[in-house]
Amino acid sequence: MLPSNLTREQLLYNNTLLATMLNEQNVFDIALTPKPKDRLLLVFDNDSYGFRFKKGKWVVEEFDSHEWLWHHNNEEHVKIKKR
């Protein structure tokens, strides 16, 4: 994976914005019914953002992409709806 071109502040802002969007509305092209401890990895070009479903909402979670790929039960690829 290539390094990010974004600053740490930009990555933190994006994490906050993405978590807000994920928790405000259904942003995917399929209906998702997340369960506690489900993980979500969003990848945009060279930048990746990890989330875990906790207490009924998505929260930002630091991740190691190799560990996440190694330990998963199933994987789905979906598209985010355009606003």
N, C-alpha and C. Protein backbone atom coordinates (compact mmCIF):
# COMPACT_ATOMS: atom_id res chain seq x y z
N MET A 1 0.84 -1.16 0.00
CA MET A 1 0.00 0.00 0.00
C MET A 1 0.89 1.23 0.00
N LEU A 2 0.57 2.18 -0.82
CA LEU A 2 1.34 3.41 -0.91
C LEU A 2 1.05 4.30 0.29
N PRO A 3 2.00 5.14 0.67
CA PRO A 3 1.76 6.04 1.79
C PRO A 3 0.71 7.09 1.43
N SER A 4 0.06 7.60 2.46
CA SER A 4 -0.97 8.62 2.27
C SER A 4 -0.32 9.96 1.91
N ASN A 5 -1.04 10.74 1.12
CA ASN A 5 -0.60 12.09 0.81
C ASN A 5 -1.24 13.10 1.75
N LEU A 6 -2.05 12.62 2.70
CA LEU A 6 -2.76 13.50 3.62
C LEU A 6 -1.98 13.67 4.92
N THR A 7 -2.18 14.82 5.54
CA THR A 7 -1.55 15.06 6.84
C THR A 7 -2.33 14.29 7.92
N ARG A 8 -1.74 14.17 9.09
CA ARG A 8 -2.42 13.50 10.21
C ARG A 8 -3.74 14.20 10.54
N GLU A 9 -3.74 15.53 10.50
CA GLU A 9 -4.95 16.29 10.79
C GLU A 9 -6.05 16.00 9.76
N GLN A 10 -5.68 15.88 8.50
CA GLN A 10 -6.65 15.56 7.45
C GLN A 10 -7.21 14.15 7.63
N LEU A 11 -6.35 13.20 8.00
CA LEU A 11 -6.81 11.83 8.24
C LEU A 11 -7.77 11.77 9.43
N LEU A 12 -7.45 12.51 10.50
CA LEU A 12 -8.34 12.56 11.66
C LEU A 12 -9.69 13.18 11.30
N TYR A 13 -9.65 14.25 10.53
CA TYR A 13 -10.89 14.89 10.07
C TYR A 13 -11.72 13.90 9.25
N ASN A 14 -11.07 13.21 8.33
CA ASN A 14 -11.78 12.24 7.48
C ASN A 14 -12.38 11.12 8.33
N ASN A 15 -11.65 10.62 9.32
CA ASN A 15 -12.18 9.59 10.21
C ASN A 15 -13.45 10.06 10.90
N THR A 16 -13.41 11.27 11.42
CA THR A 16 -14.58 11.84 12.12
C THR A 16 -15.75 12.01 11.16
N LEU A 17 -15.49 12.55 9.99
CA LEU A 17 -16.54 12.76 8.99
C LEU A 17 -17.15 11.43 8.55
N LEU A 18 -16.32 10.45 8.27
CA LEU A 18 -16.82 9.15 7.82
C LEU A 18 -17.64 8.47 8.92
N ALA A 19 -17.18 8.53 10.17
CA ALA A 19 -17.94 7.93 11.27
C ALA A 19 -19.31 8.60 11.40
N THR A 20 -19.34 9.92 11.26
CA THR A 20 -20.61 10.65 11.34
C THR A 20 -21.54 10.21 10.22
N MET A 21 -21.03 10.12 9.01
CA MET A 21 -21.85 9.71 7.87
C MET A 21 -22.35 8.28 8.04
N LEU A 22 -21.50 7.39 8.50
CA LEU A 22 -21.90 6.00 8.69
C LEU A 22 -23.01 5.86 9.72
N ASN A 23 -22.99 6.72 10.73
CA ASN A 23 -23.96 6.61 11.82
C ASN A 23 -25.23 7.42 11.60
N GLU A 24 -25.22 8.36 10.65
CA GLU A 24 -26.39 9.19 10.40
C GLU A 24 -27.38 8.56 9.44
N GLN A 25 -26.90 7.81 8.49
CA GLN A 25 -27.77 7.31 7.43
C GLN A 25 -27.18 6.06 6.80
N ASN A 26 -27.99 5.38 5.99
CA ASN A 26 -27.49 4.22 5.25
C ASN A 26 -26.80 4.75 4.00
N VAL A 27 -25.50 4.64 3.93
CA VAL A 27 -24.74 5.20 2.82
C VAL A 27 -24.31 4.15 1.80
N PHE A 28 -24.72 2.90 1.99
CA PHE A 28 -24.30 1.84 1.09
C PHE A 28 -25.39 1.46 0.10
N ASP A 29 -25.01 0.81 -0.97
CA ASP A 29 -25.97 0.42 -2.00
C ASP A 29 -26.71 -0.87 -1.65
N ILE A 30 -26.39 -1.47 -0.52
CA ILE A 30 -27.12 -2.64 -0.02
C ILE A 30 -27.45 -2.37 1.46
N ALA A 31 -28.48 -3.05 1.93
CA ALA A 31 -28.84 -2.91 3.34
C ALA A 31 -27.83 -3.67 4.20
N LEU A 32 -27.25 -2.99 5.17
CA LEU A 32 -26.32 -3.63 6.09
C LEU A 32 -26.98 -3.72 7.46
N THR A 33 -26.80 -4.83 8.10
CA THR A 33 -27.27 -5.01 9.48
C THR A 33 -26.06 -5.42 10.31
N PRO A 34 -25.27 -4.42 10.72
CA PRO A 34 -24.05 -4.75 11.46
C PRO A 34 -24.36 -5.32 12.83
N LYS A 35 -23.47 -6.19 13.27
CA LYS A 35 -23.56 -6.81 14.59
C LYS A 35 -22.37 -6.32 15.42
N PRO A 36 -22.50 -6.38 16.75
CA PRO A 36 -21.38 -5.96 17.59
C PRO A 36 -20.08 -6.67 17.17
N LYS A 37 -19.01 -5.91 17.15
CA LYS A 37 -17.66 -6.35 16.80
C LYS A 37 -17.43 -6.47 15.29
N ASP A 38 -18.45 -6.21 14.45
CA ASP A 38 -18.21 -6.20 13.00
C ASP A 38 -17.20 -5.10 12.69
N ARG A 39 -16.39 -5.35 11.67
CA ARG A 39 -15.39 -4.37 11.26
C ARG A 39 -15.70 -3.89 9.85
N LEU A 40 -15.32 -2.68 9.58
CA LEU A 40 -15.54 -2.07 8.27
C LEU A 40 -14.26 -1.36 7.87
N LEU A 41 -13.79 -1.65 6.70
CA LEU A 41 -12.59 -1.01 6.17
C LEU A 41 -12.99 -0.25 4.92
N LEU A 42 -12.79 1.06 4.92
CA LEU A 42 -13.07 1.91 3.76
C LEU A 42 -11.73 2.30 3.14
N VAL A 43 -11.62 2.12 1.83
CA VAL A 43 -10.37 2.41 1.14
C VAL A 43 -10.65 3.40 0.02
N PHE A 44 -9.93 4.52 0.04
CA PHE A 44 -10.02 5.55 -0.99
C PHE A 44 -8.61 5.80 -1.51
N ASP A 45 -8.35 5.37 -2.72
CA ASP A 45 -7.02 5.49 -3.30
C ASP A 45 -5.97 4.93 -2.34
N ASN A 46 -5.12 5.81 -1.77
CA ASN A 46 -4.05 5.35 -0.87
C ASN A 46 -4.40 5.45 0.61
N ASP A 47 -5.63 5.87 0.92
CA ASP A 47 -6.01 6.09 2.31
C ASP A 47 -7.06 5.08 2.75
N SER A 48 -6.85 4.49 3.91
CA SER A 48 -7.77 3.49 4.46
C SER A 48 -8.24 3.93 5.84
N TYR A 49 -9.51 3.60 6.14
CA TYR A 49 -10.11 3.99 7.40
C TYR A 49 -10.81 2.78 7.99
N GLY A 50 -10.52 2.46 9.24
CA GLY A 50 -11.10 1.30 9.89
C GLY A 50 -12.13 1.69 10.94
N PHE A 51 -13.19 0.88 11.03
CA PHE A 51 -14.27 1.11 11.99
C PHE A 51 -14.70 -0.22 12.58
N ARG A 52 -15.21 -0.17 13.81
CA ARG A 52 -15.79 -1.34 14.47
C ARG A 52 -17.18 -0.94 14.95
N PHE A 53 -18.14 -1.87 14.85
CA PHE A 53 -19.50 -1.60 15.31
C PHE A 53 -19.58 -1.93 16.80
N LYS A 54 -19.83 -0.88 17.61
CA LYS A 54 -19.86 -1.01 19.07
C LYS A 54 -21.06 -0.24 19.62
N LYS A 55 -21.81 -0.90 20.48
CA LYS A 55 -22.93 -0.25 21.16
C LYS A 55 -23.86 0.47 20.18
N GLY A 56 -24.12 -0.18 19.05
CA GLY A 56 -25.09 0.35 18.09
C GLY A 56 -24.59 1.41 17.14
N LYS A 57 -23.26 1.63 17.10
CA LYS A 57 -22.75 2.63 16.14
C LYS A 57 -21.34 2.26 15.70
N TRP A 58 -20.93 2.85 14.58
CA TRP A 58 -19.59 2.66 14.06
C TRP A 58 -18.64 3.61 14.78
N VAL A 59 -17.51 3.07 15.25
CA VAL A 59 -16.49 3.89 15.89
C VAL A 59 -15.16 3.65 15.18
N VAL A 60 -14.34 4.68 15.15
CA VAL A 60 -13.04 4.60 14.51
C VAL A 60 -12.18 3.58 15.25
N GLU A 61 -11.47 2.76 14.50
CA GLU A 61 -10.57 1.78 15.11
C GLU A 61 -9.28 1.71 14.30
N GLU A 62 -8.17 1.85 15.00
CA GLU A 62 -6.87 1.67 14.35
C GLU A 62 -6.79 0.23 13.86
N PHE A 63 -6.12 0.02 12.75
CA PHE A 63 -6.07 -1.33 12.20
C PHE A 63 -4.76 -1.58 11.50
N ASP A 64 -4.46 -2.84 11.39
CA ASP A 64 -3.35 -3.32 10.59
C ASP A 64 -4.01 -4.06 9.43
N SER A 65 -3.87 -3.54 8.22
CA SER A 65 -4.60 -4.10 7.07
C SER A 65 -4.29 -5.58 6.86
N HIS A 66 -3.07 -6.00 7.13
CA HIS A 66 -2.73 -7.41 6.95
C HIS A 66 -3.46 -8.28 7.98
N GLU A 67 -3.52 -7.82 9.22
CA GLU A 67 -4.22 -8.56 10.27
C GLU A 67 -5.72 -8.64 9.95
N TRP A 68 -6.29 -7.54 9.48
CA TRP A 68 -7.73 -7.53 9.16
C TRP A 68 -8.02 -8.47 8.01
N LEU A 69 -7.15 -8.52 7.03
CA LEU A 69 -7.37 -9.43 5.90
C LEU A 69 -7.23 -10.89 6.34
N TRP A 70 -6.35 -11.15 7.27
CA TRP A 70 -6.09 -12.51 7.72
C TRP A 70 -7.21 -13.05 8.59
N HIS A 71 -7.79 -12.19 9.45
CA HIS A 71 -8.82 -12.62 10.41
C HIS A 71 -10.18 -12.05 10.02
N HIS A 72 -10.85 -12.70 9.11
CA HIS A 72 -12.20 -12.27 8.75
C HIS A 72 -13.05 -13.49 8.42
N ASN A 73 -14.36 -13.36 8.64
CA ASN A 73 -15.27 -14.45 8.33
C ASN A 73 -15.82 -14.34 6.92
N ASN A 74 -16.17 -13.16 6.51
CA ASN A 74 -16.61 -12.95 5.14
C ASN A 74 -16.32 -11.51 4.75
N GLU A 75 -16.38 -11.28 3.48
CA GLU A 75 -16.01 -9.98 2.95
C GLU A 75 -17.03 -9.59 1.90
N GLU A 76 -17.50 -8.35 1.96
CA GLU A 76 -18.41 -7.84 0.95
C GLU A 76 -17.86 -6.53 0.44
N HIS A 77 -18.01 -6.29 -0.82
CA HIS A 77 -17.62 -5.03 -1.42
C HIS A 77 -18.89 -4.31 -1.83
N VAL A 78 -19.05 -3.08 -1.36
CA VAL A 78 -20.22 -2.29 -1.71
C VAL A 78 -19.78 -0.90 -2.12
N LYS A 79 -20.67 -0.18 -2.75
CA LYS A 79 -20.38 1.18 -3.17
C LYS A 79 -21.12 2.14 -2.26
N ILE A 80 -20.51 3.30 -2.04
CA ILE A 80 -21.15 4.34 -1.24
C ILE A 80 -22.01 5.17 -2.18
N LYS A 81 -23.24 5.48 -1.74
CA LYS A 81 -24.15 6.30 -2.53
C LYS A 81 -23.60 7.70 -2.67
N LYS A 82 -23.81 8.31 -3.81
CA LYS A 82 -23.43 9.71 -4.01
C LYS A 82 -24.50 10.57 -3.37
N ARG A 83 -24.07 11.66 -2.76
CA ARG A 83 -25.03 12.60 -2.14
C ARG A 83 -25.55 13.55 -3.15
